Amino acid sequence: MTKTITFTLMHFCIAFSVTYALTGSAAAGGLVAAIEPLCNSVGFYFHEKVWQRLENRQAVEKHIPAHAWLHHQA
């Protein structure tokens, strides 16, 4: 969870800076910085969960002997 929070803070600063540089508006920068990183952080959290499941699945498959697959698939 700490990784998600620090990612959100970094993203907030980047989003504000880029939007402010493009528009010159602190209000627009604040609005974009508040909404866009939060959306991405939610996506990032679920992205990490999917990758954890894939990595766990691969780790389990490595521990199953090859001959076990023959009985499992039949």
N, C-alpha and C. Protein backbone atom coordinates (compact mmCIF):
# COMPACT_ATOMS: atom_id res chain seq x y z
N MET A 1 0.82 -1.19 0.00
CA MET A 1 0.00 0.00 0.00
C MET A 1 0.87 1.26 0.00
N THR A 2 2.02 1.21 0.66
CA THR A 2 2.92 2.36 0.68
C THR A 2 3.38 2.71 -0.73
N LYS A 3 3.65 1.69 -1.52
CA LYS A 3 4.08 1.89 -2.90
C LYS A 3 2.99 2.64 -3.67
N THR A 4 1.74 2.29 -3.46
CA THR A 4 0.63 2.95 -4.14
C THR A 4 0.51 4.41 -3.70
N ILE A 5 0.69 4.67 -2.42
CA ILE A 5 0.57 6.05 -1.92
C ILE A 5 1.70 6.93 -2.46
N THR A 6 2.93 6.44 -2.42
CA THR A 6 4.04 7.25 -2.94
C THR A 6 3.92 7.46 -4.44
N PHE A 7 3.44 6.45 -5.14
CA PHE A 7 3.20 6.60 -6.58
C PHE A 7 2.15 7.68 -6.83
N THR A 8 1.11 7.72 -6.02
CA THR A 8 0.05 8.72 -6.16
C THR A 8 0.60 10.12 -5.93
N LEU A 9 1.41 10.29 -4.91
CA LEU A 9 1.98 11.61 -4.63
C LEU A 9 2.89 12.08 -5.77
N MET A 10 3.72 11.20 -6.27
CA MET A 10 4.59 11.55 -7.39
C MET A 10 3.76 11.91 -8.61
N HIS A 11 2.75 11.13 -8.87
CA HIS A 11 1.91 11.36 -10.02
C HIS A 11 1.14 12.68 -9.90
N PHE A 12 0.69 12.99 -8.69
CA PHE A 12 0.00 14.26 -8.43
C PHE A 12 0.90 15.43 -8.80
N CYS A 13 2.15 15.40 -8.36
CA CYS A 13 3.08 16.49 -8.65
C CYS A 13 3.35 16.62 -10.15
N ILE A 14 3.51 15.50 -10.82
CA ILE A 14 3.76 15.53 -12.26
C ILE A 14 2.53 16.05 -13.01
N ALA A 15 1.36 15.56 -12.65
CA ALA A 15 0.13 15.99 -13.33
C ALA A 15 -0.10 17.49 -13.14
N PHE A 16 0.10 17.97 -11.92
CA PHE A 16 -0.08 19.41 -11.67
C PHE A 16 0.92 20.22 -12.48
N SER A 17 2.17 19.83 -12.44
CA SER A 17 3.22 20.58 -13.13
C SER A 17 3.00 20.65 -14.63
N VAL A 18 2.68 19.53 -15.23
CA VAL A 18 2.47 19.49 -16.68
C VAL A 18 1.24 20.32 -17.06
N THR A 19 0.14 20.14 -16.34
CA THR A 19 -1.08 20.89 -16.66
C THR A 19 -0.88 22.38 -16.45
N TYR A 20 -0.20 22.75 -15.38
CA TYR A 20 0.06 24.17 -15.12
C TYR A 20 0.95 24.75 -16.21
N ALA A 21 1.97 24.01 -16.62
CA ALA A 21 2.87 24.48 -17.68
C ALA A 21 2.13 24.66 -19.01
N LEU A 22 1.18 23.79 -19.28
CA LEU A 22 0.44 23.88 -20.54
C LEU A 22 -0.66 24.94 -20.52
N THR A 23 -1.29 25.15 -19.37
CA THR A 23 -2.44 26.05 -19.31
C THR A 23 -2.16 27.35 -18.57
N GLY A 24 -1.18 27.36 -17.69
CA GLY A 24 -0.91 28.53 -16.87
C GLY A 24 -1.96 28.72 -15.77
N SER A 25 -2.80 27.74 -15.58
CA SER A 25 -3.88 27.84 -14.61
C SER A 25 -3.63 26.88 -13.45
N ALA A 26 -3.53 27.47 -12.24
CA ALA A 26 -3.37 26.63 -11.05
C ALA A 26 -4.64 25.83 -10.79
N ALA A 27 -5.80 26.42 -11.11
CA ALA A 27 -7.07 25.71 -10.90
C ALA A 27 -7.15 24.48 -11.80
N ALA A 28 -6.82 24.63 -13.07
CA ALA A 28 -6.83 23.48 -14.00
C ALA A 28 -5.79 22.46 -13.57
N GLY A 29 -4.61 22.93 -13.16
CA GLY A 29 -3.56 22.02 -12.70
C GLY A 29 -4.01 21.24 -11.49
N GLY A 30 -4.67 21.92 -10.56
CA GLY A 30 -5.16 21.25 -9.36
C GLY A 30 -6.25 20.24 -9.66
N LEU A 31 -7.14 20.60 -10.56
CA LEU A 31 -8.24 19.69 -10.92
C LEU A 31 -7.71 18.44 -11.60
N VAL A 32 -6.86 18.63 -12.58
CA VAL A 32 -6.29 17.47 -13.28
C VAL A 32 -5.44 16.64 -12.32
N ALA A 33 -4.66 17.33 -11.50
CA ALA A 33 -3.78 16.62 -10.56
C ALA A 33 -4.58 15.83 -9.51
N ALA A 34 -5.77 16.28 -9.19
CA ALA A 34 -6.58 15.58 -8.19
C ALA A 34 -7.29 14.36 -8.79
N ILE A 35 -7.70 14.47 -10.02
CA ILE A 35 -8.52 13.41 -10.62
C ILE A 35 -7.68 12.35 -11.32
N GLU A 36 -6.80 12.76 -12.19
CA GLU A 36 -6.08 11.82 -13.04
C GLU A 36 -5.20 10.85 -12.25
N PRO A 37 -4.38 11.30 -11.30
CA PRO A 37 -3.56 10.33 -10.56
C PRO A 37 -4.38 9.36 -9.70
N LEU A 38 -5.49 9.82 -9.17
CA LEU A 38 -6.32 8.91 -8.38
C LEU A 38 -6.87 7.79 -9.25
N CYS A 39 -7.29 8.13 -10.45
CA CYS A 39 -7.78 7.11 -11.39
C CYS A 39 -6.66 6.13 -11.73
N ASN A 40 -5.48 6.66 -12.01
CA ASN A 40 -4.35 5.80 -12.35
C ASN A 40 -3.90 4.96 -11.17
N SER A 41 -3.99 5.50 -9.97
CA SER A 41 -3.58 4.74 -8.79
C SER A 41 -4.50 3.54 -8.56
N VAL A 42 -5.77 3.73 -8.78
CA VAL A 42 -6.71 2.61 -8.66
C VAL A 42 -6.36 1.55 -9.71
N GLY A 43 -6.12 2.00 -10.93
CA GLY A 43 -5.72 1.07 -11.99
C GLY A 43 -4.41 0.37 -11.66
N PHE A 44 -3.45 1.12 -11.11
CA PHE A 44 -2.16 0.55 -10.73
C PHE A 44 -2.32 -0.52 -9.66
N TYR A 45 -3.16 -0.27 -8.67
CA TYR A 45 -3.40 -1.23 -7.59
C TYR A 45 -3.90 -2.56 -8.16
N PHE A 46 -4.89 -2.50 -9.04
CA PHE A 46 -5.43 -3.73 -9.61
C PHE A 46 -4.45 -4.37 -10.59
N HIS A 47 -3.68 -3.57 -11.29
CA HIS A 47 -2.64 -4.08 -12.18
C HIS A 47 -1.63 -4.90 -11.37
N GLU A 48 -1.21 -4.38 -10.22
CA GLU A 48 -0.29 -5.10 -9.35
C GLU A 48 -0.89 -6.42 -8.86
N LYS A 49 -2.17 -6.40 -8.50
CA LYS A 49 -2.84 -7.61 -8.02
C LYS A 49 -2.86 -8.69 -9.11
N VAL A 50 -3.15 -8.28 -10.35
CA VAL A 50 -3.18 -9.24 -11.47
C VAL A 50 -1.79 -9.85 -11.66
N TRP A 51 -0.76 -9.01 -11.64
CA TRP A 51 0.60 -9.52 -11.82
C TRP A 51 1.01 -10.43 -10.68
N GLN A 52 0.61 -10.13 -9.45
CA GLN A 52 0.91 -11.01 -8.32
C GLN A 52 0.29 -12.38 -8.53
N ARG A 53 -0.95 -12.40 -8.99
CA ARG A 53 -1.61 -13.69 -9.24
C ARG A 53 -0.90 -14.47 -10.33
N LEU A 54 -0.51 -13.78 -11.41
CA LEU A 54 0.21 -14.46 -12.49
C LEU A 54 1.53 -15.02 -12.00
N GLU A 55 2.26 -14.24 -11.21
CA GLU A 55 3.54 -14.71 -10.68
C GLU A 55 3.34 -15.87 -9.73
N ASN A 56 2.31 -15.83 -8.90
CA ASN A 56 2.03 -16.93 -7.99
C ASN A 56 1.65 -18.19 -8.74
N ARG A 57 0.87 -18.03 -9.80
CA ARG A 57 0.47 -19.18 -10.61
C ARG A 57 1.68 -19.83 -11.25
N GLN A 58 2.60 -19.01 -11.76
CA GLN A 58 3.81 -19.56 -12.38
C GLN A 58 4.68 -20.27 -11.36
N ALA A 59 4.75 -19.74 -10.14
CA ALA A 59 5.54 -20.38 -9.09
C ALA A 59 4.96 -21.74 -8.74
N VAL A 60 3.65 -21.86 -8.67
CA VAL A 60 3.01 -23.13 -8.36
C VAL A 60 3.25 -24.13 -9.48
N GLU A 61 3.15 -23.69 -10.73
CA GLU A 61 3.34 -24.59 -11.87
C GLU A 61 4.76 -25.13 -11.91
N LYS A 62 5.73 -24.37 -11.45
CA LYS A 62 7.12 -24.83 -11.46
C LYS A 62 7.33 -25.97 -10.46
N HIS A 63 6.51 -26.04 -9.43
CA HIS A 63 6.66 -27.07 -8.40
C HIS A 63 5.89 -28.35 -8.72
N ILE A 64 5.09 -28.34 -9.76
CA ILE A 64 4.34 -29.54 -10.13
C ILE A 64 5.21 -30.37 -11.08
N PRO A 65 5.50 -31.61 -10.74
CA PRO A 65 6.33 -32.46 -11.61
C PRO A 65 5.65 -32.66 -12.97
N ALA A 66 6.47 -32.84 -13.99
CA ALA A 66 5.95 -33.01 -15.35
C ALA A 66 4.98 -34.18 -15.45
N HIS A 67 5.24 -35.28 -14.76
CA HIS A 67 4.36 -36.45 -14.84
C HIS A 67 3.00 -36.16 -14.24
N ALA A 68 2.91 -35.20 -13.33
CA ALA A 68 1.62 -34.86 -12.73
C ALA A 68 0.70 -34.21 -13.76
N TRP A 69 1.26 -33.51 -14.72
CA TRP A 69 0.46 -32.88 -15.76
C TRP A 69 -0.25 -33.91 -16.62
N LEU A 70 0.39 -35.06 -16.83
CA LEU A 70 -0.22 -36.09 -17.65
C LEU A 70 -1.51 -36.61 -17.00
N HIS A 71 -1.50 -36.80 -15.71
CA HIS A 71 -2.70 -37.27 -15.00
C HIS A 71 -3.72 -36.17 -14.85
N HIS A 72 -3.25 -34.94 -14.68
CA HIS A 72 -4.14 -33.79 -14.48
C HIS A 72 -4.94 -33.47 -15.75
N GLN A 73 -4.31 -33.61 -16.89
CA GLN A 73 -4.96 -33.24 -18.16
C GLN A 73 -5.89 -34.32 -18.66
N ALA A 74 -5.74 -35.52 -18.23
CA ALA A 74 -6.54 -36.63 -18.73
C ALA A 74 -7.95 -36.59 -18.25
